[in-house]
PDB file of N, CA and C in Angstrom:
ATOM      1  N   UNK A   1       0.813  -1.108  -0.020  1.00  0.00           N
ATOM      2  CA  UNK A   1       0.006   0.054   0.023  1.00  0.00           C
ATOM      3  C   UNK A   1       0.938   1.204  -0.137  1.00  0.00           C
ATOM      4  N   UNK A   2       0.322   2.203  -0.680  1.00  0.00           N
ATOM      5  CA  UNK A   2       1.345   3.364  -0.847  1.00  0.00           C
ATOM      6  C   UNK A   2       1.222   4.398   0.290  1.00  0.00           C
ATOM      7  N   UNK A   3       2.293   4.848   0.824  1.00  0.00           N
ATOM      8  CA  UNK A   3       2.271   6.016   2.031  1.00  0.00           C
ATOM      9  C   UNK A   3       1.487   7.143   1.615  1.00  0.00           C
ATOM     10  N   UNK A   4       0.842   7.564   2.580  1.00  0.00           N
ATOM     11  CA  UNK A   4      -0.057   8.958   2.626  1.00  0.00           C
ATOM     12  C   UNK A   4       0.838   9.869   2.446  1.00  0.00           C
ATOM     13  N   UNK A   5       0.872  11.003   1.837  1.00  0.00           N
ATOM     14  CA  UNK A   5       1.658  12.194   1.748  1.00  0.00           C
ATOM     15  C   UNK A   5       1.294  12.991   3.068  1.00  0.00           C
ATOM     16  N   UNK A   6       2.408  13.800   3.498  1.00  0.00           N
ATOM     17  CA  UNK A   6       2.105  14.743   4.627  1.00  0.00           C
ATOM     18  C   UNK A   6       1.378  15.879   4.196  1.00  0.00           C
ATOM     19  N   UNK A   7       0.386  16.335   5.085  1.00  0.00           N
ATOM     20  CA  UNK A   7      -0.289  17.488   4.660  1.00  0.00           C
ATOM     21  C   UNK A   7      -0.149  18.497   5.822  1.00  0.00           C
ATOM     22  N   UNK A   8       0.292  19.810   5.564  1.00  0.00           N
ATOM     23  CA  UNK A   8       0.335  20.819   6.363  1.00  0.00           C
ATOM     24  C   UNK A   8      -0.190  22.114   6.064  1.00  0.00           C
ATOM     25  N   UNK A   9      -0.588  22.847   6.992  1.00  0.00           N
ATOM     26  CA  UNK A   9      -1.331  24.251   6.812  1.00  0.00           C
ATOM     27  C   UNK A   9      -0.650  25.228   7.502  1.00  0.00           C
ATOM     28  N   UNK A  10      -0.396  26.396   6.708  1.00  0.00           N
ATOM     29  CA  UNK A  10       0.457  27.386   7.065  1.00  0.00           C
ATOM     30  C   UNK A  10       0.091  28.810   6.452  1.00  0.00           C
ATOM     31  N   UNK A  11       0.970  29.726   6.849  1.00  0.00           N
ATOM     32  CA  UNK A  11       0.722  31.234   6.206  1.00  0.00           C
ATOM     33  C   UNK A  11       1.955  31.467   5.353  1.00  0.00           C
ATOM     34  N   UNK A  12       1.340  32.103   4.257  1.00  0.00           N
ATOM     35  CA  UNK A  12       2.456  32.420   3.155  1.00  0.00           C
ATOM     36  C   UNK A  12       3.081  33.676   3.987  1.00  0.00           C
ATOM     37  N   UNK A  13       4.470  33.755   3.750  1.00  0.00           N
ATOM     38  CA  UNK A  13       5.325  34.709   4.415  1.00  0.00           C
ATOM     39  C   UNK A  13       6.201  35.525   3.279  1.00  0.00           C
ATOM     40  N   UNK A  14       6.338  34.845   2.085  1.00  0.00           N
ATOM     41  CA  UNK A  14       6.964  35.519   1.041  1.00  0.00           C
ATOM     42  C   UNK A  14       6.449  34.922  -0.458  1.00  0.00           C
ATOM     43  N   UNK A  15       6.244  35.799  -1.196  1.00  0.00           N
ATOM     44  CA  UNK A  15       5.690  35.083  -2.714  1.00  0.00           C
ATOM     45  C   UNK A  15       6.620  35.998  -3.695  1.00  0.00           C
ATOM     46  N   UNK A  16       7.996  36.343  -3.411  1.00  0.00           N
ATOM     47  CA  UNK A  16       8.682  37.231  -4.306  1.00  0.00           C
ATOM     48  C   UNK A  16       9.246  36.331  -5.607  1.00  0.00           C
ATOM     49  N   UNK A  17       9.219  34.952  -5.334  1.00  0.00           N
ATOM     50  CA  UNK A  17       9.912  34.288  -6.452  1.00  0.00           C
ATOM     51  C   UNK A  17       8.668  33.565  -7.439  1.00  0.00           C
ATOM     52  N   UNK A  18       9.176  33.266  -8.580  1.00  0.00           N
ATOM     53  CA  UNK A  18       8.255  32.921  -9.457  1.00  0.00           C
ATOM     54  C   UNK A  18       7.813  31.552  -9.148  1.00  0.00           C
ATOM     55  N   UNK A  19       6.506  31.240  -9.243  1.00  0.00           N
ATOM     56  CA  UNK A  19       5.987  29.812  -9.031  1.00  0.00           C
ATOM     57  C   UNK A  19       6.493  29.245  -7.600  1.00  0.00           C
ATOM     58  N   UNK A  20       6.875  30.073  -6.736  1.00  0.00           N
ATOM     59  CA  UNK A  20       7.385  29.551  -5.309  1.00  0.00           C
ATOM     60  C   UNK A  20       6.894  30.544  -4.385  1.00  0.00           C
ATOM     61  N   UNK A  21       6.433  29.778  -3.202  1.00  0.00           N
ATOM     62  CA  UNK A  21       5.968  30.537  -2.220  1.00  0.00           C
ATOM     63  C   UNK A  21       6.734  29.984  -0.970  1.00  0.00           C
ATOM     64  N   UNK A  22       6.936  30.946   0.162  1.00  0.00           N
ATOM     65  CA  UNK A  22       7.447  30.471   1.529  1.00  0.00           C
ATOM     66  C   UNK A  22       6.382  30.535   2.500  1.00  0.00           C
ATOM     67  N   UNK A  23       6.131  29.207   2.988  1.00  0.00           N
ATOM     68  CA  UNK A  23       5.016  29.026   3.909  1.00  0.00           C
ATOM     69  C   UNK A  23       5.623  28.731   5.270  1.00  0.00           C
ATOM     70  N   UNK A  24       5.086  29.339   6.206  1.00  0.00           N
ATOM     71  CA  UNK A  24       5.433  29.202   7.681  1.00  0.00           C
ATOM     72  C   UNK A  24       4.518  28.392   8.186  1.00  0.00           C
ATOM     73  N   UNK A  25       4.848  27.123   8.841  1.00  0.00           N
ATOM     74  CA  UNK A  25       4.008  26.260   9.671  1.00  0.00           C
ATOM     75  C   UNK A  25       4.462  26.345  11.160  1.00  0.00           C
ATOM     76  N   UNK A  26       3.226  26.739  11.946  1.00  0.00           N
ATOM     77  CA  UNK A  26       3.568  26.950  13.416  1.00  0.00           C
ATOM     78  C   UNK A  26       2.934  25.616  13.962  1.00  0.00           C
ATOM     79  N   UNK A  27       3.679  25.278  15.025  1.00  0.00           N
ATOM     80  CA  UNK A  27       3.143  24.175  15.928  1.00  0.00           C
ATOM     81  C   UNK A  27       3.664  24.605  17.501  1.00  0.00           C
ATOM     82  N   UNK A  28       2.886  23.770  18.352  1.00  0.00           N
ATOM     83  CA  UNK A  28       3.285  24.008  19.738  1.00  0.00           C
ATOM     84  C   UNK A  28       3.876  22.753  20.255  1.00  0.00           C
ATOM     85  N   UNK A  29       4.859  22.940  21.154  1.00  0.00           N
ATOM     86  CA  UNK A  29       5.558  21.917  21.832  1.00  0.00           C
ATOM     87  C   UNK A  29       5.760  21.957  23.268  1.00  0.00           C
ATOM     88  N   UNK A  30       5.969  20.997  23.974  1.00  0.00           N
ATOM     89  CA  UNK A  30       6.304  21.197  25.421  1.00  0.00           C
ATOM     90  C   UNK A  30       7.828  21.026  25.572  1.00  0.00           C
ATOM     91  N   UNK A  31       8.277  21.970  26.449  1.00  0.00           N
ATOM     92  CA  UNK A  31       9.844  21.692  26.825  1.00  0.00           C
ATOM     93  C   UNK A  31      10.301  20.581  27.389  1.00  0.00           C
ATOM     94  N   UNK A  32      11.111  19.637  27.025  1.00  0.00           N
ATOM     95  CA  UNK A  32      11.348  18.369  27.416  1.00  0.00           C
ATOM     96  C   UNK A  32      11.549  18.545  28.994  1.00  0.00           C
ATOM     97  N   UNK A  33      12.275  19.418  29.550  1.00  0.00           N
ATOM     98  CA  UNK A  33      12.583  19.510  30.933  1.00  0.00           C
ATOM     99  C   UNK A  33      11.659  20.271  31.847  1.00  0.00           C
ATOM    100  N   UNK A  34      11.281  21.528  31.446  1.00  0.00           N
ATOM    101  CA  UNK A  34      10.532  22.362  32.266  1.00  0.00           C
ATOM    102  C   UNK A  34       9.026  22.500  31.885  1.00  0.00           C
ATOM    103  N   UNK A  35       8.639  21.889  30.832  1.00  0.00           N
ATOM    104  CA  UNK A  35       7.256  21.499  30.637  1.00  0.00           C
ATOM    105  C   UNK A  35       6.609  22.746  29.903  1.00  0.00           C
ATOM    106  N   UNK A  36       7.198  23.831  29.740  1.00  0.00           N
ATOM    107  CA  UNK A  36       6.434  25.119  29.407  1.00  0.00           C
ATOM    108  C   UNK A  36       6.116  24.972  27.787  1.00  0.00           C
ATOM    109  N   UNK A  37       5.156  25.398  27.450  1.00  0.00           N
ATOM    110  CA  UNK A  37       4.581  25.296  26.030  1.00  0.00           C
ATOM    111  C   UNK A  37       5.281  26.363  25.325  1.00  0.00           C
ATOM    112  N   UNK A  38       5.822  25.908  24.047  1.00  0.00           N
ATOM    113  CA  UNK A  38       6.607  26.821  23.303  1.00  0.00           C
ATOM    114  C   UNK A  38       5.966  26.778  21.749  1.00  0.00           C
ATOM    115  N   UNK A  39       5.842  27.780  21.153  1.00  0.00           N
ATOM    116  CA  UNK A  39       5.472  27.973  19.784  1.00  0.00           C
ATOM    117  C   UNK A  39       6.638  27.739  18.972  1.00  0.00           C
ATOM    118  N   UNK A  40       6.752  26.829  17.999  1.00  0.00           N
ATOM    119  CA  UNK A  40       7.792  26.684  17.106  1.00  0.00           C
ATOM    120  C   UNK A  40       7.262  26.808  15.724  1.00  0.00           C
ATOM    121  N   UNK A  41       7.997  27.577  14.806  1.00  0.00           N
ATOM    122  CA  UNK A  41       7.643  27.653  13.544  1.00  0.00           C
ATOM    123  C   UNK A  41       8.800  27.212  12.682  1.00  0.00           C
ATOM    124  N   UNK A  42       8.566  26.755  11.382  1.00  0.00           N
ATOM    125  CA  UNK A  42       9.378  26.144  10.385  1.00  0.00           C
ATOM    126  C   UNK A  42       8.837  26.727   9.015  1.00  0.00           C
ATOM    127  N   UNK A  43       9.791  27.012   8.158  1.00  0.00           N
ATOM    128  CA  UNK A  43       9.506  27.491   6.828  1.00  0.00           C
ATOM    129  C   UNK A  43       9.822  26.384   5.758  1.00  0.00           C
ATOM    130  N   UNK A  44       8.696  26.365   4.762  1.00  0.00           N
ATOM    131  CA  UNK A  44       8.911  25.413   3.638  1.00  0.00           C
ATOM    132  C   UNK A  44       8.682  26.333   2.530  1.00  0.00           C
ATOM    133  N   UNK A  45       9.391  25.901   1.546  1.00  0.00           N
ATOM    134  CA  UNK A  45       9.246  26.325   0.084  1.00  0.00           C
ATOM    135  C   UNK A  45       8.328  25.627  -0.687  1.00  0.00           C
ATOM    136  N   UNK A  46       7.246  25.749  -1.054  1.00  0.00           N
ATOM    137  CA  UNK A  46       6.202  25.322  -1.857  1.00  0.00           C
ATOM    138  C   UNK A  46       5.996  25.790  -3.385  1.00  0.00           C
ATOM    139  N   UNK A  47       5.584  24.840  -4.158  1.00  0.00           N
ATOM    140  CA  UNK A  47       5.264  25.182  -5.630  1.00  0.00           C
ATOM    141  C   UNK A  47       3.948  25.732  -5.867  1.00  0.00           C
ATOM    142  N   UNK A  48       3.832  26.938  -6.539  1.00  0.00           N
ATOM    143  CA  UNK A  48       2.597  27.306  -6.717  1.00  0.00           C
ATOM    144  C   UNK A  48       2.524  27.735  -8.266  1.00  0.00           C
ATOM    145  N   UNK A  49       1.955  26.996  -8.898  1.00  0.00           N
ATOM    146  CA  UNK A  49       1.960  26.853 -10.302  1.00  0.00           C
ATOM    147  C   UNK A  49       1.286  28.192 -10.995  1.00  0.00           C
ATOM    148  N   UNK A  50       0.289  28.619 -10.519  1.00  0.00           N
ATOM    149  CA  UNK A  50      -0.358  29.816 -11.216  1.00  0.00           C
ATOM    150  C   UNK A  50       0.096  31.276 -10.389  1.00  0.00           C
ATOM    151  N   UNK A  51       1.051  30.982  -9.518  1.00  0.00           N
ATOM    152  CA  UNK A  51       1.211  32.298  -8.643  1.00  0.00           C
ATOM    153  C   UNK A  51      -0.081  33.045  -8.103  1.00  0.00           C
ATOM    154  N   UNK A  52      -0.877  32.201  -7.584  1.00  0.00           N
ATOM    155  CA  UNK A  52      -2.148  32.879  -6.994  1.00  0.00           C
ATOM    156  C   UNK A  52      -2.042  33.080  -5.382  1.00  0.00           C
ATOM    157  N   UNK A  53      -1.030  32.564  -4.675  1.00  0.00           N
ATOM    158  CA  UNK A  53      -0.880  32.844  -3.394  1.00  0.00           C
ATOM    159  C   UNK A  53      -0.165  34.206  -3.195  1.00  0.00           C
ATOM    160  N   UNK A  54      -0.734  34.927  -2.073  1.00  0.00           N
ATOM    161  CA  UNK A  54      -0.147  36.096  -1.820  1.00  0.00           C
ATOM    162  C   UNK A  54       0.278  36.202  -0.374  1.00  0.00           C
ATOM    163  N   UNK A  55       1.060  37.199   0.315  1.00  0.00           N
ATOM    164  CA  UNK A  55       1.550  37.084   1.425  1.00  0.00           C
ATOM    165  C   UNK A  55       0.352  37.310   2.511  1.00  0.00           C
ATOM    166  N   UNK A  56       0.267  36.365   3.490  1.00  0.00           N
ATOM    167  CA  UNK A  56      -0.931  36.316   4.580  1.00  0.00           C
ATOM    168  C   UNK A  56      -2.013  35.476   4.381  1.00  0.00           C
ATOM    169  N   UNK A  57      -1.920  34.747   3.003  1.00  0.00           N
ATOM    170  CA  UNK A  57      -2.785  33.616   2.669  1.00  0.00           C
ATOM    171  C   UNK A  57      -2.513  32.467   3.540  1.00  0.00           C
ATOM    172  N   UNK A  58      -3.552  31.800   4.147  1.00  0.00           N
ATOM    173  CA  UNK A  58      -3.563  30.491   4.780  1.00  0.00           C
ATOM    174  C   UNK A  58      -3.635  29.486   3.786  1.00  0.00           C
ATOM    175  N   UNK A  59      -2.675  28.512   3.585  1.00  0.00           N
ATOM    176  CA  UNK A  59      -2.724  27.551   2.495  1.00  0.00           C
ATOM    177  C   UNK A  59      -2.471  26.195   3.049  1.00  0.00           C
ATOM    178  N   UNK A  60      -2.938  25.198   2.225  1.00  0.00           N
ATOM    179  CA  UNK A  60      -2.613  23.816   2.534  1.00  0.00           C
ATOM    180  C   UNK A  60      -1.625  23.308   1.798  1.00  0.00           C
ATOM    181  N   UNK A  61      -0.467  22.672   2.083  1.00  0.00           N
ATOM    182  CA  UNK A  61       0.763  22.137   1.295  1.00  0.00           C
ATOM    183  C   UNK A  61       0.634  20.589   1.249  1.00  0.00           C
ATOM    184  N   UNK A  62       1.206  19.963   0.301  1.00  0.00           N
ATOM    185  CA  UNK A  62       1.253  18.520   0.208  1.00  0.00           C
ATOM    186  C   UNK A  62       2.718  18.150  -0.141  1.00  0.00           C
ATOM    187  N   UNK A  63       3.169  17.206   0.555  1.00  0.00           N
ATOM    188  CA  UNK A  63       4.457  16.677   0.431  1.00  0.00           C
ATOM    189  C   UNK A  63       4.584  16.246  -1.140  1.00  0.00           C
ATOM    190  N   UNK A  64       5.718  16.405  -1.767  1.00  0.00           N
ATOM    191  CA  UNK A  64       5.773  15.689  -3.232  1.00  0.00           C
ATOM    192  C   UNK A  64       7.361  15.484  -3.481  1.00  0.00           C
ATOM    193  N   UNK A  65       7.380  14.930  -4.846  1.00  0.00           N
ATOM    194  CA  UNK A  65       8.710  14.709  -5.308  1.00  0.00           C
ATOM    195  C   UNK A  65       9.710  15.979  -5.145  1.00  0.00           C
ATOM    196  N   UNK A  66      11.121  15.903  -5.136  1.00  0.00           N
ATOM    197  CA  UNK A  66      11.854  17.154  -5.064  1.00  0.00           C
ATOM    198  C   UNK A  66      11.861  17.823  -6.413  1.00  0.00           C
ATOM    199  N   UNK A  67      11.247  19.183  -6.385  1.00  0.00           N
ATOM    200  CA  UNK A  67      11.095  19.906  -7.670  1.00  0.00           C
ATOM    201  C   UNK A  67      12.476  20.952  -7.886  1.00  0.00           C
ATOM    202  N   UNK A  68      12.957  21.209  -6.732  1.00  0.00           N
ATOM    203  CA  UNK A  68      14.191  21.906  -6.975  1.00  0.00           C
ATOM    204  C   UNK A  68      15.155  21.592  -5.738  1.00  0.00           C
ATOM    205  N   UNK A  69      16.154  22.366  -5.580  1.00  0.00           N
ATOM    206  CA  UNK A  69      17.170  22.015  -4.406  1.00  0.00           C
ATOM    207  C   UNK A  69      16.493  22.100  -3.030  1.00  0.00           C
ATOM    208  N   UNK A  70      15.457  23.044  -2.792  1.00  0.00           N
ATOM    209  CA  UNK A  70      14.862  23.227  -1.436  1.00  0.00           C
ATOM    210  C   UNK A  70      13.399  22.981  -1.620  1.00  0.00           C
ATOM    211  N   UNK A  71      12.915  22.836  -2.787  1.00  0.00           N
ATOM    212  CA  UNK A  71      11.373  22.836  -2.941  1.00  0.00           C
ATOM    213  C   UNK A  71      10.837  21.183  -3.116  1.00  0.00           C
ATOM    214  N   UNK A  72      10.206  20.973  -1.938  1.00  0.00           N
ATOM    215  CA  UNK A  72       9.661  19.456  -1.812  1.00  0.00           C
ATOM    216  C   UNK A  72       8.079  19.630  -1.633  1.00  0.00           C
ATOM    217  N   UNK A  73       7.506  20.475  -1.591  1.00  0.00           N
ATOM    218  CA  UNK A  73       5.944  20.676  -1.226  1.00  0.00           C
ATOM    219  C   UNK A  73       5.240  21.452  -2.446  1.00  0.00           C
ATOM    220  N   UNK A  74       3.915  21.255  -2.344  1.00  0.00           N
ATOM    221  CA  UNK A  74       3.042  21.839  -3.474  1.00  0.00           C
ATOM    222  C   UNK A  74       1.796  22.392  -2.822  1.00  0.00           C
ATOM    223  N   UNK A  75       1.400  23.600  -3.225  1.00  0.00           N
ATOM    224  CA  UNK A  75       0.431  24.309  -2.703  1.00  0.00           C
ATOM    225  C   UNK A  75      -0.929  23.592  -3.239  1.00  0.00           C
ATOM    226  N   UNK A  76      -1.777  23.120  -2.385  1.00  0.00           N
ATOM    227  CA  UNK A  76      -2.995  22.274  -3.162  1.00  0.00           C
ATOM    228  C   UNK A  76      -4.232  23.241  -3.198  1.00  0.00           C
ATOM    229  N   UNK A  77      -4.423  24.016  -1.905  1.00  0.00           N
ATOM    230  CA  UNK A  77      -5.559  24.983  -1.941  1.00  0.00           C
ATOM    231  C   UNK A  77      -5.059  26.104  -0.991  1.00  0.00           C
ATOM    232  N   UNK A  78      -6.012  27.233  -1.476  1.00  0.00           N
ATOM    233  CA  UNK A  78      -5.765  28.552  -0.401  1.00  0.00           C
ATOM    234  C   UNK A  78      -7.023  28.494   0.479  1.00  0.00           C
ATOM    235  N   UNK A  79      -6.868  28.301   1.700  1.00  0.00           N
ATOM    236  CA  UNK A  79      -7.914  28.276   2.664  1.00  0.00           C
ATOM    237  C   UNK A  79      -8.488  29.489   3.028  1.00  0.00           C
ATOM    238  N   UNK A  80      -7.923  30.567   3.157  1.00  0.00           N
ATOM    239  CA  UNK A  80      -8.056  31.826   3.131  1.00  0.00           C
ATOM    240  C   UNK A  80      -7.371  32.840   2.806  1.00  0.00           C
ATOM    241  N   UNK A  81      -7.829  34.028   2.380  1.00  0.00           N
ATOM    242  CA  UNK A  81      -6.988  35.073   1.933  1.00  0.00           C
ATOM    243  C   UNK A  81      -6.708  35.980   3.082  1.00  0.00           C
ATOM    244  N   UNK A  82      -5.436  36.532   2.787  1.00  0.00           N
ATOM    245  CA  UNK A  82      -4.892  37.415   3.941  1.00  0.00           C
ATOM    246  C   UNK A  82      -5.389  38.767   3.769  1.00  0.00           C
ATOM    247  N   UNK A  83      -5.017  39.646   4.830  1.00  0.00           N
ATOM    248  CA  UNK A  83      -5.330  40.892   4.729  1.00  0.00           C
ATOM    249  C   UNK A  83      -4.651  41.813   3.818  1.00  0.00           C
ATOM    250  N   UNK A  84      -5.212  42.648   2.976  1.00  0.00           N
ATOM    251  CA  UNK A  84      -4.812  43.304   1.935  1.00  0.00           C
ATOM    252  C   UNK A  84      -3.867  44.634   2.729  1.00  0.00           C
ATOM    253  N   UNK A  85      -2.556  44.651   2.310  1.00  0.00           N
ATOM    254  CA  UNK A  85      -1.688  45.761   2.917  1.00  0.00           C
ATOM    255  C   UNK A  85      -1.590  46.754   1.997  1.00  0.00           C
ATOM    256  N   UNK A  86      -1.978  48.054   2.235  1.00  0.00           N
ATOM    257  CA  UNK A  86      -1.913  49.224   1.367  1.00  0.00           C
ATOM    258  C   UNK A  86      -0.768  49.885   1.836  1.00  0.00           C
ATOM    259  N   UNK A  87       0.263  50.057   1.125  1.00  0.00           N
ATOM    260  CA  UNK A  87       1.440  50.869   1.386  1.00  0.00           C
ATOM    261  C   UNK A  87       1.268  52.207   1.075  1.00  0.00           C
ATOM    262  N   UNK A  88       1.420  53.133   2.190  1.00  0.00           N
ATOM    263  CA  UNK A  88       1.326  54.522   2.017  1.00  0.00           C
ATOM    264  C   UNK A  88       2.516  55.304   1.623  1.00  0.00           C
ATOM    265  N   UNK A  89       2.741  56.162   0.783  1.00  0.00           N
ATOM    266  CA  UNK A  89       3.896  56.780   0.433  1.00  0.00           C
ATOM    267  C   UNK A  89       4.086  58.205   1.567  1.00  0.00           C
ATOM    268  N   UNK A  90       4.792  58.139   2.370  1.00  0.00           N
ATOM    269  CA  UNK A  90       4.944  59.098   3.449  1.00  0.00           C
ATOM    270  C   UNK A  90       6.035  59.930   3.383  1.00  0.00           C
TER     271      UNK A  90
END
Protein backbone atom coordinates (compact mmCIF):
# COMPACT_ATOMS: atom_id res chain seq x y z
CA UNK A 1 0.00 0.00 0.00
CA UNK A 2 1.29 3.43 -0.89
CA UNK A 3 2.26 5.80 1.89
CA UNK A 4 0.06 8.83 2.48
CA UNK A 5 1.68 12.18 1.79
CA UNK A 6 2.14 14.64 4.62
CA UNK A 7 -0.27 17.59 4.65
CA UNK A 8 0.48 20.86 6.48
CA UNK A 9 -1.39 24.14 6.90
CA UNK A 10 0.51 27.41 7.18
CA UNK A 11 0.74 31.08 6.28
CA UNK A 12 2.45 32.47 3.20
CA UNK A 13 5.28 34.77 4.33
CA UNK A 14 6.95 35.42 0.95
CA UNK A 15 5.77 35.35 -2.66
CA UNK A 16 8.70 37.12 -4.32
CA UNK A 17 9.84 34.11 -6.36
CA UNK A 18 8.22 32.88 -9.55
CA UNK A 19 5.99 29.83 -9.00
CA UNK A 20 7.30 29.45 -5.43
CA UNK A 21 6.02 30.65 -2.06
CA UNK A 22 7.50 30.38 1.42
CA UNK A 23 5.00 28.97 3.91
CA UNK A 24 5.49 29.25 7.69
CA UNK A 25 3.98 26.33 9.63
CA UNK A 26 3.49 26.92 13.36
CA UNK A 27 3.13 24.21 15.99
CA UNK A 28 3.26 24.06 19.76
CA UNK A 29 5.43 21.70 21.76
CA UNK A 30 6.37 21.22 25.36
CA UNK A 31 9.87 21.85 26.64
CA UNK A 32 11.29 18.44 27.56
CA UNK A 33 12.62 19.48 30.98
CA UNK A 34 10.53 22.45 32.15
CA UNK A 35 7.20 21.56 30.57
CA UNK A 36 6.55 25.08 29.27
CA UNK A 37 4.55 25.27 26.04
CA UNK A 38 6.65 26.79 23.24
CA UNK A 39 5.50 27.94 19.81
CA UNK A 40 7.83 26.61 17.12
CA UNK A 41 7.68 27.58 13.47
CA UNK A 42 9.33 26.18 10.36
CA UNK A 43 9.47 27.56 6.83
CA UNK A 44 8.85 25.45 3.75
CA UNK A 45 9.27 26.39 0.08
CA UNK A 46 6.20 25.26 -1.88
CA UNK A 47 5.37 25.17 -5.58
CA UNK A 48 2.56 27.54 -6.68
CA UNK A 49 2.03 26.91 -10.40
CA UNK A 50 -0.35 29.82 -11.16
CA UNK A 51 1.23 32.36 -8.73
CA UNK A 52 -2.14 32.69 -6.96
CA UNK A 53 -0.83 32.93 -3.38
CA UNK A 54 -0.16 36.27 -1.74
CA UNK A 55 1.53 37.16 1.56
CA UNK A 56 -0.83 36.50 4.47
CA UNK A 57 -2.84 33.71 2.80
CA UNK A 58 -3.51 30.53 4.76
CA UNK A 59 -2.72 27.57 2.50
CA UNK A 60 -2.62 23.77 2.55
CA UNK A 61 0.63 22.22 1.28
CA UNK A 62 1.29 18.57 0.40
CA UNK A 63 4.56 16.69 0.27
CA UNK A 64 5.83 15.83 -3.24
CA UNK A 65 8.89 14.68 -5.09
CA UNK A 66 11.85 17.12 -5.11
CA UNK A 67 11.09 19.95 -7.54
CA UNK A 68 14.32 21.87 -6.94
CA UNK A 69 17.13 21.95 -4.41
CA UNK A 70 14.91 23.15 -1.53
CA UNK A 71 11.37 22.75 -2.87
CA UNK A 72 9.57 19.54 -1.87
CA UNK A 73 6.02 20.78 -1.23
CA UNK A 74 3.09 21.83 -3.47
CA UNK A 75 0.28 24.26 -2.63
CA UNK A 76 -3.00 22.38 -3.07
CA UNK A 77 -5.51 25.01 -1.97
CA UNK A 78 -5.86 28.47 -0.48
CA UNK A 79 -7.96 28.19 2.67
CA UNK A 80 -8.34 31.92 3.34
CA UNK A 81 -7.09 35.14 1.84
CA UNK A 82 -4.79 37.39 3.87
CA UNK A 83 -5.35 41.01 4.75
CA UNK A 84 -4.68 43.46 1.94
CA UNK A 85 -1.74 45.64 2.96
CA UNK A 86 -1.82 49.11 1.40
CA UNK A 87 1.52 50.88 1.38
CA UNK A 88 1.33 54.62 1.94
CA UNK A 89 3.93 56.93 0.44
CA UNK A 90 4.80 59.09 3.43
